[in-house]
Amino acid sequence: MTNNQLAINSLRVLEEHEIRITNLERIAREQAELEIAMKILDEGPIIEAQHRLHHTSWYKDIKKLEDIVNRDRQKRCMCQDNGIFLLEVWYDENPEIVIPERIQKIKEFTNQLTKSLDNISNSVPKL
């Protein structure tokens, strides 16, 4: 092999290693995020029940209602951006039943995702 071919092969190997390292770092980051989420789930509900739906007859000023709805929407977005799970319970649902069911669904989802990430990380060749 010529020096150029050796250099090209070395660059390819280096690129492959960088891709593997990037993938492993991403997987490790995702696993850490899942572990945090699972710890939060094990703590149980943090906030008491709060009405999501607001009825216009409760408010004399429609602008005030719109401000409250927008504030709630902004809080929901902030929580989602920070990886916080919000469980919304409609006014006609029983929170004592609905909240544990939804927490269980989230736990099942995170467990499945953790297993998938473990399988992916095990399939990435070791350096």
Protein backbone atom coordinates (compact mmCIF):
# COMPACT_ATOMS: atom_id res chain seq x y z
CA MET A 1 0.00 0.00 0.00
CA THR A 2 1.10 3.50 -0.69
CA ASN A 3 1.34 6.21 1.93
CA ASN A 4 -1.81 7.86 0.51
CA GLN A 5 -3.79 4.64 0.82
CA LEU A 6 -2.54 4.12 4.37
CA ALA A 7 -3.52 7.67 5.26
CA ILE A 8 -6.99 7.24 3.73
CA ASN A 9 -7.51 3.95 5.58
CA SER A 10 -6.35 5.53 8.83
CA LEU A 11 -8.81 8.39 8.35
CA ARG A 12 -11.63 5.94 7.68
CA VAL A 13 -10.82 3.96 10.81
CA LEU A 14 -10.61 7.18 12.81
CA GLU A 15 -14.00 8.31 11.49
CA GLU A 16 -15.53 4.93 12.35
CA HIS A 17 -14.15 5.17 15.89
CA GLU A 18 -15.48 8.72 16.27
CA ILE A 19 -18.93 7.56 15.11
CA ARG A 20 -18.87 4.67 17.58
CA ILE A 21 -17.78 6.96 20.41
CA THR A 22 -20.52 9.46 19.53
CA ASN A 23 -23.12 6.68 19.50
CA LEU A 24 -21.92 5.29 22.83
CA GLU A 25 -21.96 8.77 24.39
CA ARG A 26 -25.51 9.33 23.09
CA ILE A 27 -26.64 5.96 24.47
CA ALA A 28 -25.02 6.68 27.84
CA ARG A 29 -26.71 10.09 27.98
CA GLU A 30 -30.10 8.57 27.11
CA GLN A 31 -29.66 5.86 29.74
CA ALA A 32 -28.78 8.48 32.36
CA GLU A 33 -31.89 10.48 31.45
CA LEU A 34 -34.01 7.34 31.74
CA GLU A 35 -32.55 6.50 35.14
CA ILE A 36 -33.42 9.99 36.37
CA ALA A 37 -36.95 9.67 34.99
CA MET A 38 -37.36 6.27 36.64
CA LYS A 39 -36.19 7.66 40.01
CA ILE A 40 -38.70 10.47 39.67
CA LEU A 41 -41.43 7.96 38.86
CA ASP A 42 -40.59 5.92 41.94
CA GLU A 43 -41.12 9.01 44.09
CA GLY A 44 -44.78 9.18 43.09
CA PRO A 45 -46.84 12.24 42.30
CA ILE A 46 -45.15 15.50 43.23
CA ILE A 47 -48.03 17.90 42.73
CA GLU A 48 -51.57 17.62 43.97
CA ALA A 49 -54.44 17.46 41.51
CA GLN A 50 -55.09 20.66 39.58
CA HIS A 51 -57.91 21.44 37.21
CA ARG A 52 -56.70 21.72 33.64
CA LEU A 53 -60.00 22.75 32.17
CA HIS A 54 -61.31 26.13 33.12
CA HIS A 55 -64.90 27.07 32.59
CA THR A 56 -65.78 30.57 31.40
CA SER A 57 -68.64 30.88 33.88
CA TRP A 58 -66.12 30.80 36.74
CA TYR A 59 -64.47 33.96 35.47
CA LYS A 60 -66.07 37.34 34.88
CA ASP A 61 -63.12 38.42 32.76
CA ILE A 62 -62.43 36.24 29.69
CA LYS A 63 -58.94 37.79 29.42
CA LYS A 64 -58.13 36.40 32.87
CA LEU A 65 -59.24 32.94 31.75
CA GLU A 66 -57.07 33.19 28.63
CA ASP A 67 -54.10 34.23 30.77
CA ILE A 68 -54.59 31.22 33.04
CA VAL A 69 -54.88 28.82 30.10
CA ASN A 70 -51.75 30.31 28.50
CA ARG A 71 -49.87 30.10 31.81
CA ASP A 72 -50.80 26.43 32.15
CA ARG A 73 -49.74 25.75 28.56
CA GLN A 74 -46.40 27.47 29.19
CA LYS A 75 -45.83 25.42 32.36
CA ARG A 76 -46.67 22.23 30.45
CA CYS A 77 -44.12 23.12 27.75
CA MET A 78 -41.44 23.96 30.34
CA CYS A 79 -41.98 20.64 32.08
CA GLN A 80 -41.83 18.75 28.79
CA ASP A 81 -38.61 20.55 27.80
CA ASN A 82 -37.05 19.53 31.13
CA GLY A 83 -38.14 15.89 30.93
CA ILE A 84 -40.83 16.16 33.60
CA PHE A 85 -43.84 13.93 33.15
CA LEU A 86 -47.17 15.64 33.75
CA LEU A 87 -50.20 13.50 34.38
CA GLU A 88 -53.36 15.28 33.36
CA VAL A 89 -56.58 14.13 34.94
CA TRP A 90 -59.89 15.32 33.59
CA TYR A 91 -62.41 16.71 36.02
CA ASP A 92 -64.72 13.72 35.56
CA GLU A 93 -61.98 11.12 36.21
CA ASN A 94 -61.04 9.63 39.55
CA PRO A 95 -57.42 10.70 40.28
CA GLU A 96 -56.88 7.84 42.75
CA ILE A 97 -57.42 5.39 39.89
CA VAL A 98 -56.11 7.31 36.88
CA ILE A 99 -52.77 8.50 38.31
CA PRO A 100 -51.43 5.05 39.36
CA GLU A 101 -52.51 3.58 36.00
CA ARG A 102 -50.67 6.28 34.06
CA ILE A 103 -47.58 6.01 36.25
CA GLN A 104 -47.54 2.26 35.56
CA LYS A 105 -47.77 2.89 31.81
CA ILE A 106 -44.84 5.32 31.96
CA LYS A 107 -42.79 2.84 34.00
CA GLU A 108 -43.49 0.08 31.46
CA PHE A 109 -42.49 2.40 28.62
CA THR A 110 -39.22 3.44 30.30
CA ASN A 111 -38.39 -0.20 31.11
CA GLN A 112 -38.92 -1.18 27.46
CA LEU A 113 -36.82 1.77 26.32
CA THR A 114 -34.05 0.87 28.76
CA LYS A 115 -33.99 -2.70 27.42
CA SER A 116 -33.85 -1.39 23.84
CA LEU A 117 -30.96 0.93 24.69
CA ASP A 118 -29.14 -1.92 26.44
CA ASN A 119 -29.54 -4.06 23.31
CA ILE A 120 -28.26 -1.23 21.13
CA SER A 121 -25.26 -0.55 23.36
CA ASN A 122 -24.43 -4.27 23.46
CA SER A 123 -24.56 -4.46 19.67
CA VAL A 124 -22.07 -1.60 19.22
CA PRO A 125 -18.62 -3.14 18.76
CA LYS A 126 -16.14 -2.47 21.55
CA LEU A 127 -13.03 -0.49 20.74
